Amino acid sequence: MLFLFDCDGVLVDSEIIAAKVDSEHLAEVGFAITPEEVVRRFAGLTSRDIADIIEAEIGRELPADFLADQKVELDRRLAAEVEAVPGIHDLLDRLDGPRCVCSNSSSDRLRITMERTRLFDRFKPYIYSAVEVGTKQPKPDPNVYRFAMEQFEVAPRETVVVEDSVFGVTAARSAGARVVGFTGASHAWPGLADLLTEAGAETVINRLADLPRVAEAFMAWDGVAD
């Protein structure tokens, strides 16, 4: 099987850091929102998509330098603070089959987080930014997952995607892949598993160590169905 991993919140524990930065910067322009609310509302979206939603809600454009300033601060914080999600290196040591990263983050951001966590060399060159490959459409569009499956020439039913956000699960399901929801990063909240299931995840895990067992079950179920 082909294994496709989202990055933020699956490989690297970055979502809570990003949420804190977003909360701080939005407060500076008069939009009060807690980091927890940022995670629940916007996890899985690009910064541009989040800004568009905020602008629609406040009825005005954010400052011209808002996204640039937010990016600089987030990159600085990630480079200093981000850690690998517990268990990812052990999983990669055990996992059979090709693997790839499919993220809404830019390739520059992916390099920052994955190099700090010693994951970059474990996936390169198969590290895809949704806004830089295929149709360049971010999740929830299925673009990046379809692109990855095309590169490996693997059918959707032989592909397992690991996602921590509703938008990511939606993208993977639209691409026809098998989807495992993940709730083991520090930003997860009670109720996230239910939301991932409602979005189309076939099962939800909170330990990456459980992924091989789930993949084996998927193959067994397909064998019974055949």
C-alpha atoms as a PDB file:
ATOM      1  CA  MET A   1       0.000   0.000   0.000  1.00  0.00           C
ATOM      2  CA  LEU A   2       0.924   3.625  -0.529  1.00  0.00           C
ATOM      3  CA  PHE A   3       0.909   5.752   2.633  1.00  0.00           C
ATOM      4  CA  LEU A   4       0.203   9.473   2.296  1.00  0.00           C
ATOM      5  CA  PHE A   5       0.700  11.655   5.366  1.00  0.00           C
ATOM      6  CA  ASP A   6      -0.505  15.128   6.080  1.00  0.00           C
ATOM      7  CA  CYS A   7       2.312  17.008   7.809  1.00  0.00           C
ATOM      8  CA  ASP A   8       1.029  19.508  10.373  1.00  0.00           C
ATOM      9  CA  GLY A   9      -0.649  17.658  13.218  1.00  0.00           C
ATOM     10  CA  VAL A  10       0.304  14.225  11.872  1.00  0.00           C
ATOM     11  CA  LEU A  11       4.079  14.216  11.399  1.00  0.00           C
ATOM     12  CA  VAL A  12       4.980  17.395  13.276  1.00  0.00           C
ATOM     13  CA  ASP A  13       3.188  18.845  16.305  1.00  0.00           C
ATOM     14  CA  SER A  14       2.837  22.284  14.759  1.00  0.00           C
ATOM     15  CA  GLU A  15      -0.882  23.082  14.772  1.00  0.00           C
ATOM     16  CA  ILE A  16      -0.950  24.439  18.325  1.00  0.00           C
ATOM     17  CA  ILE A  17       2.062  26.667  17.617  1.00  0.00           C
ATOM     18  CA  ALA A  18       0.402  28.042  14.483  1.00  0.00           C
ATOM     19  CA  ALA A  19      -2.846  28.606  16.393  1.00  0.00           C
ATOM     20  CA  LYS A  20      -1.064  30.647  19.065  1.00  0.00           C
ATOM     21  CA  VAL A  21       0.632  32.816  16.446  1.00  0.00           C
ATOM     22  CA  ASP A  22      -2.657  33.340  14.588  1.00  0.00           C
ATOM     23  CA  SER A  23      -4.445  34.246  17.822  1.00  0.00           C
ATOM     24  CA  GLU A  24      -1.786  36.787  18.769  1.00  0.00           C
ATOM     25  CA  HIS A  25      -1.674  38.443  15.347  1.00  0.00           C
ATOM     26  CA  LEU A  26      -5.454  38.575  14.988  1.00  0.00           C
ATOM     27  CA  ALA A  27      -5.740  40.199  18.416  1.00  0.00           C
ATOM     28  CA  GLU A  28      -3.448  42.963  17.179  1.00  0.00           C
ATOM     29  CA  VAL A  29      -5.986  43.851  14.465  1.00  0.00           C
ATOM     30  CA  GLY A  30      -8.967  43.675  16.795  1.00  0.00           C
ATOM     31  CA  PHE A  31     -10.203  40.121  16.171  1.00  0.00           C
ATOM     32  CA  ALA A  32     -10.333  38.227  19.459  1.00  0.00           C
ATOM     33  CA  ILE A  33     -10.011  34.464  19.118  1.00  0.00           C
ATOM     34  CA  THR A  34      -8.322  31.903  21.345  1.00  0.00           C
ATOM     35  CA  PRO A  35      -5.756  29.414  20.029  1.00  0.00           C
ATOM     36  CA  GLU A  36      -8.250  26.640  20.765  1.00  0.00           C
ATOM     37  CA  GLU A  37     -10.871  28.347  18.613  1.00  0.00           C
ATOM     38  CA  VAL A  38      -8.332  28.823  15.823  1.00  0.00           C
ATOM     39  CA  VAL A  39      -7.627  25.092  15.822  1.00  0.00           C
ATOM     40  CA  ARG A  40     -11.284  24.089  15.832  1.00  0.00           C
ATOM     41  CA  ARG A  41     -12.281  26.484  13.070  1.00  0.00           C
ATOM     42  CA  PHE A  42      -9.268  26.629  10.801  1.00  0.00           C
ATOM     43  CA  ALA A  43      -7.027  23.558  11.208  1.00  0.00           C
ATOM     44  CA  GLY A  44      -6.040  22.305   7.768  1.00  0.00           C
ATOM     45  CA  LEU A  45      -6.613  25.582   5.911  1.00  0.00           C
ATOM     46  CA  THR A  46      -3.953  27.792   4.343  1.00  0.00           C
ATOM     47  CA  SER A  47      -3.144  31.175   5.897  1.00  0.00           C
ATOM     48  CA  ARG A  48      -4.694  32.869   2.870  1.00  0.00           C
ATOM     49  CA  ASP A  49      -7.928  30.924   3.296  1.00  0.00           C
ATOM     50  CA  ILE A  50      -8.062  31.822   6.997  1.00  0.00           C
ATOM     51  CA  ALA A  51      -7.472  35.496   6.193  1.00  0.00           C
ATOM     52  CA  ASP A  52     -10.287  35.436   3.625  1.00  0.00           C
ATOM     53  CA  ILE A  53     -12.702  34.052   6.225  1.00  0.00           C
ATOM     54  CA  ILE A  54     -11.676  36.635   8.832  1.00  0.00           C
ATOM     55  CA  GLU A  55     -11.999  39.490   6.340  1.00  0.00           C
ATOM     56  CA  ALA A  56     -15.510  38.357   5.430  1.00  0.00           C
ATOM     57  CA  GLU A  57     -16.481  38.270   9.105  1.00  0.00           C
ATOM     58  CA  ILE A  58     -15.090  41.691  10.031  1.00  0.00           C
ATOM     59  CA  GLY A  59     -16.169  43.351   6.791  1.00  0.00           C
ATOM     60  CA  ARG A  60     -12.779  44.806   5.945  1.00  0.00           C
ATOM     61  CA  GLU A  61      -9.393  43.755   4.662  1.00  0.00           C
ATOM     62  CA  LEU A  62      -6.617  42.823   7.040  1.00  0.00           C
ATOM     63  CA  PRO A  63      -3.512  45.044   6.935  1.00  0.00           C
ATOM     64  CA  ALA A  64      -1.446  44.578   3.786  1.00  0.00           C
ATOM     65  CA  ASP A  65       1.489  43.189   5.764  1.00  0.00           C
ATOM     66  CA  PHE A  66      -0.588  40.879   7.983  1.00  0.00           C
ATOM     67  CA  LEU A  67       0.155  37.598   6.207  1.00  0.00           C
ATOM     68  CA  ALA A  68       3.825  38.421   5.652  1.00  0.00           C
ATOM     69  CA  ASP A  69       4.342  39.339   9.312  1.00  0.00           C
ATOM     70  CA  GLN A  70       2.436  36.265  10.463  1.00  0.00           C
ATOM     71  CA  LYS A  71       4.582  34.036   8.236  1.00  0.00           C
ATOM     72  CA  VAL A  72       7.852  35.449   9.559  1.00  0.00           C
ATOM     73  CA  GLU A  73       6.784  34.964  13.169  1.00  0.00           C
ATOM     74  CA  LEU A  74       5.402  31.478  12.587  1.00  0.00           C
ATOM     75  CA  ASP A  75       8.513  30.332  10.741  1.00  0.00           C
ATOM     76  CA  ARG A  76      10.640  31.646  13.610  1.00  0.00           C
ATOM     77  CA  ARG A  77       8.558  29.864  16.236  1.00  0.00           C
ATOM     78  CA  LEU A  78       8.434  26.601  14.307  1.00  0.00           C
ATOM     79  CA  ALA A  79      12.184  26.592  13.717  1.00  0.00           C
ATOM     80  CA  ALA A  80      12.719  27.016  17.466  1.00  0.00           C
ATOM     81  CA  GLU A  81       9.904  24.954  18.974  1.00  0.00           C
ATOM     82  CA  VAL A  82       8.264  22.334  16.767  1.00  0.00           C
ATOM     83  CA  GLU A  83       8.683  18.675  17.675  1.00  0.00           C
ATOM     84  CA  ALA A  84       7.878  15.449  15.882  1.00  0.00           C
ATOM     85  CA  VAL A  85       4.564  13.841  16.759  1.00  0.00           C
ATOM     86  CA  PRO A  86       5.320  11.036  19.245  1.00  0.00           C
ATOM     87  CA  GLY A  87       5.873   7.696  17.577  1.00  0.00           C
ATOM     88  CA  ILE A  88       6.442   8.870  14.008  1.00  0.00           C
ATOM     89  CA  HIS A  89      10.067   7.741  13.748  1.00  0.00           C
ATOM     90  CA  ASP A  90       9.266   4.327  15.204  1.00  0.00           C
ATOM     91  CA  LEU A  91       6.371   4.010  12.754  1.00  0.00           C
ATOM     92  CA  LEU A  92       8.559   4.849   9.775  1.00  0.00           C
ATOM     93  CA  ASP A  93      11.072   2.222  10.904  1.00  0.00           C
ATOM     94  CA  ARG A  94       8.289  -0.389  10.795  1.00  0.00           C
ATOM     95  CA  LEU A  95       6.185   0.717   7.865  1.00  0.00           C
ATOM     96  CA  ASP A  96       6.263  -1.347   4.687  1.00  0.00           C
ATOM     97  CA  GLY A  97       5.416   0.333   1.397  1.00  0.00           C
ATOM     98  CA  PRO A  98       6.098   3.678  -0.277  1.00  0.00           C
ATOM     99  CA  ARG A  99       5.251   6.869   1.597  1.00  0.00           C
ATOM    100  CA  CYS A 100       4.832  10.518   0.860  1.00  0.00           C
ATOM    101  CA  VAL A 101       3.886  13.855   2.461  1.00  0.00           C
ATOM    102  CA  CYS A 102       0.856  15.760   1.144  1.00  0.00           C
ATOM    103  CA  SER A 103       0.382  19.120   2.854  1.00  0.00           C
ATOM    104  CA  ASN A 104      -1.233  22.523   2.462  1.00  0.00           C
ATOM    105  CA  SER A 105       1.978  24.089   3.783  1.00  0.00           C
ATOM    106  CA  SER A 106       4.472  25.611   1.371  1.00  0.00           C
ATOM    107  CA  SER A 107       7.605  23.653   0.506  1.00  0.00           C
ATOM    108  CA  ASP A 108       9.666  26.206   2.458  1.00  0.00           C
ATOM    109  CA  ARG A 109       7.553  25.675   5.584  1.00  0.00           C
ATOM    110  CA  LEU A 110       7.711  21.902   5.150  1.00  0.00           C
ATOM    111  CA  ARG A 111      11.488  22.046   5.032  1.00  0.00           C
ATOM    112  CA  ILE A 112      11.598  24.099   8.251  1.00  0.00           C
ATOM    113  CA  THR A 113       9.413  21.738  10.257  1.00  0.00           C
ATOM    114  CA  MET A 114      10.621  18.472   8.772  1.00  0.00           C
ATOM    115  CA  GLU A 115      14.329  19.256   8.995  1.00  0.00           C
ATOM    116  CA  ARG A 116      14.031  20.277  12.645  1.00  0.00           C
ATOM    117  CA  THR A 117      12.249  17.000  13.430  1.00  0.00           C
ATOM    118  CA  ARG A 118      14.640  14.855  11.327  1.00  0.00           C
ATOM    119  CA  LEU A 119      11.835  13.822   8.997  1.00  0.00           C
ATOM    120  CA  PHE A 120      12.845  15.567   5.795  1.00  0.00           C
ATOM    121  CA  ASP A 121      15.393  12.955   4.735  1.00  0.00           C
ATOM    122  CA  ARG A 122      12.950  10.167   5.566  1.00  0.00           C
ATOM    123  CA  PHE A 123      10.491  11.360   2.927  1.00  0.00           C
ATOM    124  CA  LYS A 124      12.429  13.318   0.285  1.00  0.00           C
ATOM    125  CA  PRO A 125      11.875  13.761  -2.617  1.00  0.00           C
ATOM    126  CA  TYR A 126       8.242  12.771  -2.042  1.00  0.00           C
ATOM    127  CA  ILE A 127       7.168  15.889  -0.142  1.00  0.00           C
ATOM    128  CA  TYR A 128       4.330  17.677  -1.907  1.00  0.00           C
ATOM    129  CA  SER A 129       2.817  21.082  -1.218  1.00  0.00           C
ATOM    130  CA  ALA A 130      -0.766  21.238  -2.481  1.00  0.00           C
ATOM    131  CA  VAL A 131      -0.362  24.819  -3.678  1.00  0.00           C
ATOM    132  CA  GLU A 132       2.729  23.921  -5.733  1.00  0.00           C
ATOM    133  CA  VAL A 133       1.749  20.692  -7.534  1.00  0.00           C
ATOM    134  CA  GLY A 134      -0.944  19.574  -9.957  1.00  0.00           C
ATOM    135  CA  THR A 135      -3.735  22.127 -10.179  1.00  0.00           C
ATOM    136  CA  LYS A 136      -2.203  24.024  -7.216  1.00  0.00           C
ATOM    137  CA  GLN A 137      -5.482  23.825  -5.309  1.00  0.00           C
ATOM    138  CA  PRO A 138      -5.202  23.330  -1.523  1.00  0.00           C
ATOM    139  CA  LYS A 139      -7.243  20.949   0.574  1.00  0.00           C
ATOM    140  CA  PRO A 140     -10.205  20.372   0.823  1.00  0.00           C
ATOM    141  CA  ASP A 141      -9.635  20.043  -2.940  1.00  0.00           C
ATOM    142  CA  PRO A 142      -8.315  16.508  -3.664  1.00  0.00           C
ATOM    143  CA  ASN A 143      -5.548  17.847  -5.932  1.00  0.00           C
ATOM    144  CA  VAL A 144      -2.497  16.941  -3.832  1.00  0.00           C
ATOM    145  CA  TYR A 145      -3.707  13.411  -3.101  1.00  0.00           C
ATOM    146  CA  ARG A 146      -4.571  12.717  -6.709  1.00  0.00           C
ATOM    147  CA  PHE A 147      -1.171  14.077  -7.732  1.00  0.00           C
ATOM    148  CA  ALA A 148       0.668  11.812  -5.281  1.00  0.00           C
ATOM    149  CA  MET A 149      -1.192   8.691  -6.390  1.00  0.00           C
ATOM    150  CA  GLU A 150      -0.409   9.530 -10.006  1.00  0.00           C
ATOM    151  CA  GLN A 151       3.304   9.867  -9.218  1.00  0.00           C
ATOM    152  CA  PHE A 152       3.396   6.430  -7.602  1.00  0.00           C
ATOM    153  CA  GLU A 153       0.912   4.908 -10.086  1.00  0.00           C
ATOM    154  CA  VAL A 154      -1.101   3.460  -7.207  1.00  0.00           C
ATOM    155  CA  ALA A 155      -4.890   3.134  -7.210  1.00  0.00           C
ATOM    156  CA  PRO A 156      -6.928   5.034  -4.604  1.00  0.00           C
ATOM    157  CA  ARG A 157      -8.158   1.838  -2.910  1.00  0.00           C
ATOM    158  CA  GLU A 158      -4.514   0.840  -2.404  1.00  0.00           C
ATOM    159  CA  THR A 159      -3.701   4.180  -0.768  1.00  0.00           C
ATOM    160  CA  VAL A 160      -3.992   5.026   2.938  1.00  0.00           C
ATOM    161  CA  VAL A 161      -4.109   8.684   3.950  1.00  0.00           C
ATOM    162  CA  VAL A 162      -3.499   9.863   7.524  1.00  0.00           C
ATOM    163  CA  GLU A 163      -5.215  13.173   8.324  1.00  0.00           C
ATOM    164  CA  ASP A 164      -5.967  15.228  11.429  1.00  0.00           C
ATOM    165  CA  SER A 165      -8.409  17.776   9.962  1.00  0.00           C
ATOM    166  CA  VAL A 166     -11.877  17.725   8.448  1.00  0.00           C
ATOM    167  CA  PHE A 167     -10.594  19.571   5.384  1.00  0.00           C
ATOM    168  CA  GLY A 168      -7.848  16.986   4.890  1.00  0.00           C
ATOM    169  CA  VAL A 169     -10.192  14.035   5.321  1.00  0.00           C
ATOM    170  CA  THR A 170     -12.569  15.612   2.813  1.00  0.00           C
ATOM    171  CA  ALA A 171      -9.739  15.980   0.293  1.00  0.00           C
ATOM    172  CA  ALA A 172      -8.567  12.403   0.712  1.00  0.00           C
ATOM    173  CA  ARG A 173     -12.070  10.974   0.441  1.00  0.00           C
ATOM    174  CA  SER A 174     -12.726  13.019  -2.684  1.00  0.00           C
ATOM    175  CA  ALA A 175      -9.568  11.485  -4.162  1.00  0.00           C
ATOM    176  CA  GLY A 176     -10.977   8.016  -3.448  1.00  0.00           C
ATOM    177  CA  ALA A 177      -8.342   6.996  -0.893  1.00  0.00           C
ATOM    178  CA  ARG A 178      -8.760   5.060   2.341  1.00  0.00           C
ATOM    179  CA  VAL A 179      -8.635   7.568   5.188  1.00  0.00           C
ATOM    180  CA  VAL A 180      -7.425   7.210   8.762  1.00  0.00           C
ATOM    181  CA  GLY A 181      -8.179  10.080  11.107  1.00  0.00           C
ATOM    182  CA  PHE A 182      -5.487  10.977  13.648  1.00  0.00           C
ATOM    183  CA  THR A 183      -6.022  12.653  17.023  1.00  0.00           C
ATOM    184  CA  GLY A 184      -2.658  12.124  18.710  1.00  0.00           C
ATOM    185  CA  ALA A 185      -1.130  15.605  18.397  1.00  0.00           C
ATOM    186  CA  SER A 186      -1.339  18.233  21.132  1.00  0.00           C
ATOM    187  CA  HIS A 187      -3.995  20.344  19.399  1.00  0.00           C
ATOM    188  CA  ALA A 188      -6.620  17.565  19.391  1.00  0.00           C
ATOM    189  CA  TRP A 189      -9.784  18.207  21.394  1.00  0.00           C
ATOM    190  CA  PRO A 190     -12.717  16.067  22.605  1.00  0.00           C
ATOM    191  CA  GLY A 191     -15.027  15.599  19.678  1.00  0.00           C
ATOM    192  CA  LEU A 192     -12.360  15.759  16.956  1.00  0.00           C
ATOM    193  CA  ALA A 193     -12.592  12.012  16.332  1.00  0.00           C
ATOM    194  CA  ASP A 194     -16.325  12.306  15.726  1.00  0.00           C
ATOM    195  CA  LEU A 195     -15.802  15.173  13.278  1.00  0.00           C
ATOM    196  CA  LEU A 196     -13.177  13.210  11.340  1.00  0.00           C
ATOM    197  CA  THR A 197     -15.498  10.216  11.161  1.00  0.00           C
ATOM    198  CA  GLU A 198     -18.377  12.373   9.961  1.00  0.00           C
ATOM    199  CA  ALA A 199     -16.093  13.813   7.266  1.00  0.00           C
ATOM    200  CA  GLY A 200     -15.368  10.315   5.964  1.00  0.00           C
ATOM    201  CA  ALA A 201     -12.489   8.771   7.920  1.00  0.00           C
ATOM    202  CA  GLU A 202     -12.987   5.006   8.023  1.00  0.00           C
ATOM    203  CA  THR A 203     -11.362   4.784  11.438  1.00  0.00           C
ATOM    204  CA  VAL A 204      -9.599   7.119  13.866  1.00  0.00           C
ATOM    205  CA  ILE A 205      -6.405   6.446  15.828  1.00  0.00           C
ATOM    206  CA  ASN A 206      -4.591   8.443  18.483  1.00  0.00           C
ATOM    207  CA  ARG A 207      -1.335   6.480  18.289  1.00  0.00           C
ATOM    208  CA  LEU A 208       0.676   6.282  15.094  1.00  0.00           C
ATOM    209  CA  ALA A 209       1.819   2.823  16.170  1.00  0.00           C
ATOM    210  CA  ASP A 210      -1.675   1.570  15.303  1.00  0.00           C
ATOM    211  CA  LEU A 211      -1.409   2.480  11.613  1.00  0.00           C
ATOM    212  CA  PRO A 212       0.130  -0.795  10.321  1.00  0.00           C
ATOM    213  CA  ARG A 213      -2.637  -2.792  12.012  1.00  0.00           C
ATOM    214  CA  VAL A 214      -5.283  -0.571  10.439  1.00  0.00           C
ATOM    215  CA  ALA A 215      -3.696  -0.908   6.994  1.00  0.00           C
ATOM    216  CA  GLU A 216      -3.696  -4.687   7.357  1.00  0.00           C
ATOM    217  CA  ALA A 217      -7.373  -4.569   8.297  1.00  0.00           C
ATOM    218  CA  PHE A 218      -8.158  -2.473   5.221  1.00  0.00           C
ATOM    219  CA  MET A 219      -6.492  -5.069   2.999  1.00  0.00           C
ATOM    220  CA  ALA A 220      -8.349  -7.894   4.741  1.00  0.00           C
ATOM    221  CA  TRP A 221     -11.692  -6.124   4.342  1.00  0.00           C
ATOM    222  CA  ASP A 222     -11.015  -5.587   0.654  1.00  0.00           C
ATOM    223  CA  GLY A 223     -10.167  -9.270   0.309  1.00  0.00           C
ATOM    224  CA  VAL A 224     -13.487 -10.259   1.867  1.00  0.00           C
ATOM    225  CA  ALA A 225     -15.340  -7.786  -0.341  1.00  0.00           C
ATOM    226  CA  ASP A 226     -13.692  -9.224  -3.438  1.00  0.00           C
END
